[in-house]
Amino acid sequence: MSGLLEPTYDVPSTGESGFMKFVKGENRFRILDTPVMGYQYWQDDKVPVRIKTAAEAPSGEKPKHFWQVPVWDGHGVKILDVTQSTVQKQLTELDRNSEWGNLSEYDVIVTRSGDGMDTTYTTTPCPKSPLTDDVAEPSWGSDGRSFGEKSDIDVKATKGDLTIRVQVKRRKKLADFLSFKNADVVMVRQDRKPWLWIVKHEWMKDLFNSGALETHKPENGVSNDRDSHGSAKLKGESNAISNEKTKS
C-alpha cells in the first residue's frame, strides 16, 4: 500500500531564517522592491494582527505602522519588517532626497544601539552601486512585473552577466517518467518542440559554483532581443543533440 507522502520526499533540515531583524550594531541591506505597508496590533496571546488602516483596529487598540519589504542582506533575499518610526522616516527622507533618491540603487546601514527603552536607530546610506554579486530575486506576489519581467516569472537569478528567469511550479504528483532515478538531468520534449531540461536543485547550485557555466554577450554588445543578452552554455557543450529518442 502506498503512503500519503511521496516516496522521494525528505524533511528539509532547519536552515537559515528567511527573515531579517535589526540586531545590535550595523545591519546592512539593499531594498529590492516597494514595501508593503499597513498597521498591526497584538492580541492577548501575543499574536500580531495586521490591517490596512489604523481605523480598522478594535476600540482601545493602538496599532503600529509597519513596512514589510524584500531585501538583499549580502547572503540572500530576506523579508524585513520595519516597525521603528525612526527608521521609516530616515528611509523616506533618503528616497526623497535629490542626492540619494531611489532606495533600490544603494545599500543602507541601520545601526542599532542601546537596550530596552534606550534603543536608538541610525540610518546611513552607502555609495551607489549596482547589485553585481549573485542575486536570486523573488517577484513580489509571484508576479514578474514587480521587477520588470513578464507576469509568469517568479524568480530572477543573476550570476555575473547571466540572468536566468525562473517559473516555479509545485504539483502534488509528477509523471513517473520525470523521475530522476539515477540521472542528474531529465530531458523531455514534445514533437516538433525544443528540448526541455529538468535538473536537480542541488546539482544546479553545484554547477554554478563550479565555474562550469560560461556567460556570453553579443560580440558588438548590442541586441534588440532580450533573450540574447547573457546567454549561457556549458563548457564543452556540443551544438546539437543527436540520436534523439521520441515516443509516439
Protein backbone atom coordinates (compact mmCIF):
# COMPACT_ATOMS: atom_id res chain seq x y z
CA MET A 1 0.00 0.00 0.00
CA SER A 2 1.41 3.38 -0.98
CA GLY A 3 1.76 6.05 1.66
CA LEU A 4 0.24 9.51 1.68
CA LEU A 5 3.62 11.22 1.21
CA GLU A 6 5.69 10.98 -1.95
CA PRO A 7 8.47 8.32 -1.73
CA THR A 8 11.07 10.92 -2.74
CA TYR A 9 10.03 13.43 -0.03
CA ASP A 10 12.70 14.34 2.55
CA VAL A 11 12.03 16.57 5.54
CA PRO A 12 14.21 19.65 4.94
CA SER A 13 16.80 20.43 7.57
CA THR A 14 16.31 23.58 9.61
CA GLY A 15 18.08 26.28 7.66
CA GLU A 16 18.66 29.97 7.80
CA SER A 17 15.66 32.16 8.50
CA GLY A 18 14.00 33.88 5.57
CA PHE A 19 13.52 37.00 7.69
CA MET A 20 15.91 39.76 8.67
CA LYS A 21 15.80 41.57 12.01
CA PHE A 22 17.77 44.54 13.29
CA VAL A 23 20.43 43.25 15.67
CA LYS A 24 22.72 45.37 17.83
CA GLY A 25 25.38 47.01 15.73
CA GLU A 26 25.37 47.55 11.96
CA ASN A 27 22.68 45.99 9.74
CA ARG A 28 23.49 46.42 6.04
CA PHE A 29 20.95 45.62 3.31
CA ARG A 30 19.61 46.63 -0.10
CA ILE A 31 15.87 47.23 -0.56
CA LEU A 32 14.65 45.29 -3.62
CA ASP A 33 11.06 46.43 -4.00
CA THR A 34 8.38 48.82 -2.77
CA PRO A 35 7.41 47.96 0.83
CA VAL A 36 4.01 46.58 1.71
CA MET A 37 2.65 48.97 4.33
CA GLY A 38 -0.04 48.66 6.95
CA TYR A 39 -0.73 48.60 10.68
CA GLN A 40 -0.53 45.91 13.31
CA TYR A 41 -1.66 45.36 16.86
CA TRP A 42 -1.14 42.46 19.24
CA GLN A 43 -3.74 40.11 20.69
CA ASP A 44 -3.58 38.85 24.26
CA ASP A 45 -1.86 35.64 23.13
CA LYS A 46 0.90 37.76 21.54
CA VAL A 47 -0.29 37.06 18.01
CA PRO A 48 0.09 40.05 15.66
CA VAL A 49 -2.95 41.14 13.66
CA ARG A 50 -2.22 43.14 10.52
CA ILE A 51 -4.65 45.56 8.95
CA LYS A 52 -4.54 48.05 6.09
CA THR A 53 -5.57 51.16 8.03
CA ALA A 54 -5.42 52.21 11.67
CA ALA A 55 -9.18 52.79 11.61
CA GLU A 56 -9.74 49.03 11.25
CA ALA A 57 -8.30 48.33 14.71
CA PRO A 58 -10.73 47.47 17.53
CA SER A 59 -11.58 50.18 20.02
CA GLY A 60 -8.84 50.60 22.62
CA GLU A 61 -6.06 49.21 20.41
CA LYS A 62 -3.17 51.41 19.31
CA PRO A 63 -1.98 49.92 16.02
CA LYS A 64 1.61 50.49 14.93
CA HIS A 65 2.62 51.31 11.37
CA PHE A 66 4.83 48.72 9.68
CA TRP A 67 6.74 48.15 6.44
CA GLN A 68 7.37 44.68 5.09
CA VAL A 69 9.95 44.68 2.32
CA PRO A 70 12.21 42.21 0.47
CA VAL A 71 15.91 42.99 0.98
CA TRP A 72 19.29 41.59 -0.01
CA ASP A 73 21.48 41.19 3.09
CA GLY A 74 24.65 40.15 1.27
CA HIS A 75 23.86 36.44 1.59
CA GLY A 76 20.36 36.07 0.22
CA VAL A 77 16.92 37.60 -0.18
CA LYS A 78 15.16 38.16 3.13
CA ILE A 79 11.92 39.74 4.30
CA LEU A 80 12.46 42.69 6.62
CA ASP A 81 9.75 44.10 8.90
CA VAL A 82 10.41 47.75 9.71
CA THR A 83 8.28 48.88 12.65
CA GLN A 84 10.59 51.59 14.01
CA SER A 85 9.17 55.00 13.04
CA THR A 86 12.68 56.49 13.22
CA VAL A 87 13.94 54.11 10.54
CA GLN A 88 10.82 54.59 8.41
CA LYS A 89 11.29 58.36 8.48
CA GLN A 90 15.03 58.16 7.71
CA LEU A 91 14.48 55.80 4.76
CA THR A 92 11.68 58.01 3.43
CA GLU A 93 13.94 61.07 3.63
CA LEU A 94 16.69 59.25 1.69
CA ASP A 95 14.26 58.08 -1.00
CA ARG A 96 13.01 61.65 -1.50
CA ASN A 97 16.45 63.26 -1.32
CA SER A 98 17.68 64.70 -4.62
CA GLU A 99 21.22 63.42 -3.99
CA TRP A 100 20.33 59.86 -2.95
CA GLY A 101 16.88 59.09 -4.36
CA ASN A 102 15.58 55.58 -5.11
CA LEU A 103 16.42 53.25 -2.20
CA SER A 104 16.99 50.28 -4.51
CA GLU A 105 20.10 51.91 -6.01
CA TYR A 106 22.35 51.67 -2.94
CA ASP A 107 22.79 49.79 0.33
CA VAL A 108 21.81 51.31 3.64
CA ILE A 109 23.18 50.56 7.10
CA VAL A 110 20.85 50.72 10.08
CA THR A 111 22.85 50.86 13.29
CA ARG A 112 21.07 49.71 16.43
CA SER A 113 22.46 50.98 19.74
CA GLY A 114 21.40 50.73 23.37
CA ASP A 115 18.91 48.43 25.08
CA GLY A 116 15.25 48.47 26.03
CA MET A 117 13.70 51.93 26.14
CA ASP A 118 17.13 53.45 25.38
CA THR A 119 17.43 51.69 21.99
CA THR A 120 18.22 54.04 19.10
CA TYR A 121 18.47 53.54 15.34
CA THR A 122 20.62 55.48 12.88
CA THR A 123 20.33 55.03 9.10
CA THR A 124 23.35 55.68 6.87
CA PRO A 125 23.36 55.39 3.04
CA CYS A 126 26.27 53.67 1.27
CA PRO A 127 27.76 54.82 -2.06
CA LYS A 128 25.53 53.99 -5.02
CA SER A 129 26.44 50.73 -6.76
CA PRO A 130 24.68 48.09 -8.88
CA LEU A 131 23.92 44.66 -7.47
CA THR A 132 26.81 42.87 -9.17
CA ASP A 133 27.04 39.80 -6.92
CA ASP A 134 24.97 36.67 -7.49
CA VAL A 135 21.38 37.52 -6.67
CA ALA A 136 18.18 35.47 -6.71
CA GLU A 137 15.37 37.97 -6.55
CA PRO A 138 11.79 36.76 -5.87
CA SER A 139 8.96 38.57 -7.57
CA TRP A 140 6.55 40.36 -5.27
CA GLY A 141 3.30 38.37 -5.14
CA SER A 142 4.70 35.84 -7.70
CA ASP A 143 4.30 38.43 -10.43
CA GLY A 144 7.40 39.17 -12.50
CA ARG A 145 6.06 42.61 -13.39
CA SER A 146 7.20 43.72 -9.93
CA PHE A 147 10.78 43.73 -11.27
CA GLY A 148 10.23 44.50 -14.93
CA GLU A 149 9.65 40.98 -16.32
CA LYS A 150 6.59 39.15 -17.64
CA SER A 151 3.90 38.16 -15.14
CA ASP A 152 4.78 34.43 -15.24
CA ILE A 153 8.32 34.94 -13.86
CA ASP A 154 8.62 34.01 -10.17
CA VAL A 155 12.38 34.37 -9.60
CA LYS A 156 15.13 36.23 -11.45
CA ALA A 157 18.55 34.73 -10.70
CA THR A 158 21.68 36.69 -11.61
CA LYS A 159 25.28 35.44 -11.75
CA GLY A 160 27.77 37.86 -13.24
CA ASP A 161 26.37 38.93 -16.59
CA LEU A 162 23.99 35.96 -16.80
CA THR A 163 20.31 36.32 -15.93
CA ILE A 164 18.04 33.28 -15.58
CA ARG A 165 14.29 33.83 -15.41
CA VAL A 166 12.56 31.07 -13.44
CA GLN A 167 8.94 30.00 -13.22
CA VAL A 168 8.26 27.99 -10.08
CA LYS A 169 5.61 25.28 -10.08
CA ARG A 170 4.65 22.75 -7.47
CA ARG A 171 2.39 19.77 -8.02
CA LYS A 172 1.20 17.05 -5.69
CA LYS A 173 2.43 14.42 -8.15
CA LEU A 174 4.50 14.47 -11.34
CA ALA A 175 4.51 11.95 -14.16
CA ASP A 176 6.66 8.90 -13.38
CA PHE A 177 8.83 9.40 -16.46
CA LEU A 178 10.04 12.71 -14.96
CA SER A 179 11.62 10.87 -12.04
CA PHE A 180 15.40 11.35 -11.85
CA LYS A 181 16.21 7.85 -10.59
CA ASN A 182 19.96 7.61 -11.33
CA ALA A 183 20.17 10.67 -13.57
CA ASP A 184 21.20 14.25 -12.80
CA VAL A 185 19.19 15.68 -15.68
CA VAL A 186 15.91 14.66 -17.30
CA MET A 187 15.38 15.88 -20.87
CA VAL A 188 11.92 15.86 -22.44
CA ARG A 189 10.35 17.37 -25.50
CA GLN A 190 7.09 17.44 -27.35
CA ASP A 191 7.13 16.53 -31.05
CA ARG A 192 8.45 19.44 -33.09
CA LYS A 193 9.16 21.42 -29.92
CA PRO A 194 12.50 22.31 -28.30
CA TRP A 195 14.11 20.18 -25.63
CA LEU A 196 13.33 20.99 -22.00
CA TRP A 197 15.82 20.23 -19.25
CA ILE A 198 14.81 19.38 -15.68
CA VAL A 199 17.69 19.39 -13.21
CA LYS A 200 18.05 18.72 -9.52
CA HIS A 201 18.20 21.81 -7.33
CA GLU A 202 21.47 20.85 -5.62
CA TRP A 203 23.03 19.85 -8.97
CA MET A 204 22.20 23.26 -10.45
CA LYS A 205 23.74 25.07 -7.49
CA ASP A 206 26.90 22.96 -7.77
CA LEU A 207 27.06 23.76 -11.49
CA PHE A 208 27.01 27.49 -10.81
CA ASN A 209 29.60 27.25 -8.06
CA SER A 210 31.95 25.04 -10.09
CA GLY A 211 32.59 27.66 -12.78
CA ALA A 212 31.45 25.21 -15.49
CA LEU A 213 28.86 27.73 -16.64
CA GLU A 214 30.07 30.42 -19.01
CA THR A 215 28.16 33.55 -19.89
CA HIS A 216 28.25 35.21 -23.28
CA LYS A 217 27.15 38.56 -24.67
CA PRO A 218 26.71 39.59 -28.33
CA GLU A 219 30.05 40.47 -29.95
CA ASN A 220 29.05 44.09 -30.52
CA GLY A 221 27.43 44.31 -27.11
CA VAL A 222 24.14 45.42 -28.66
CA SER A 223 20.99 43.43 -29.32
CA ASN A 224 17.29 44.13 -29.61
CA ASP A 225 16.48 40.62 -28.45
CA ARG A 226 16.17 40.47 -24.67
CA ASP A 227 16.90 36.74 -24.60
CA SER A 228 20.21 37.21 -26.43
CA HIS A 229 21.70 39.09 -23.50
CA GLY A 230 23.66 36.95 -21.05
CA SER A 231 23.14 33.67 -22.91
CA ALA A 232 24.78 30.69 -21.25
CA LYS A 233 26.33 27.39 -22.24
CA LEU A 234 28.27 24.60 -20.61
CA LYS A 235 31.98 24.34 -21.27
CA GLY A 236 32.46 21.66 -23.91
CA GLU A 237 28.78 21.64 -24.78
CA SER A 238 28.02 20.36 -28.28
CA ASN A 239 25.85 22.45 -30.55
CA ALA A 240 23.34 19.73 -31.23
CA ILE A 241 21.89 16.68 -29.56
CA SER A 242 21.97 13.68 -31.81
CA ASN A 243 20.26 10.32 -31.69
CA GLU A 244 17.06 11.76 -30.32
CA LYS A 245 14.66 9.28 -28.82
CA THR A 246 10.98 10.01 -29.14
CA LYS A 247 7.94 8.14 -28.10
CA SER A 248 4.80 8.11 -30.13
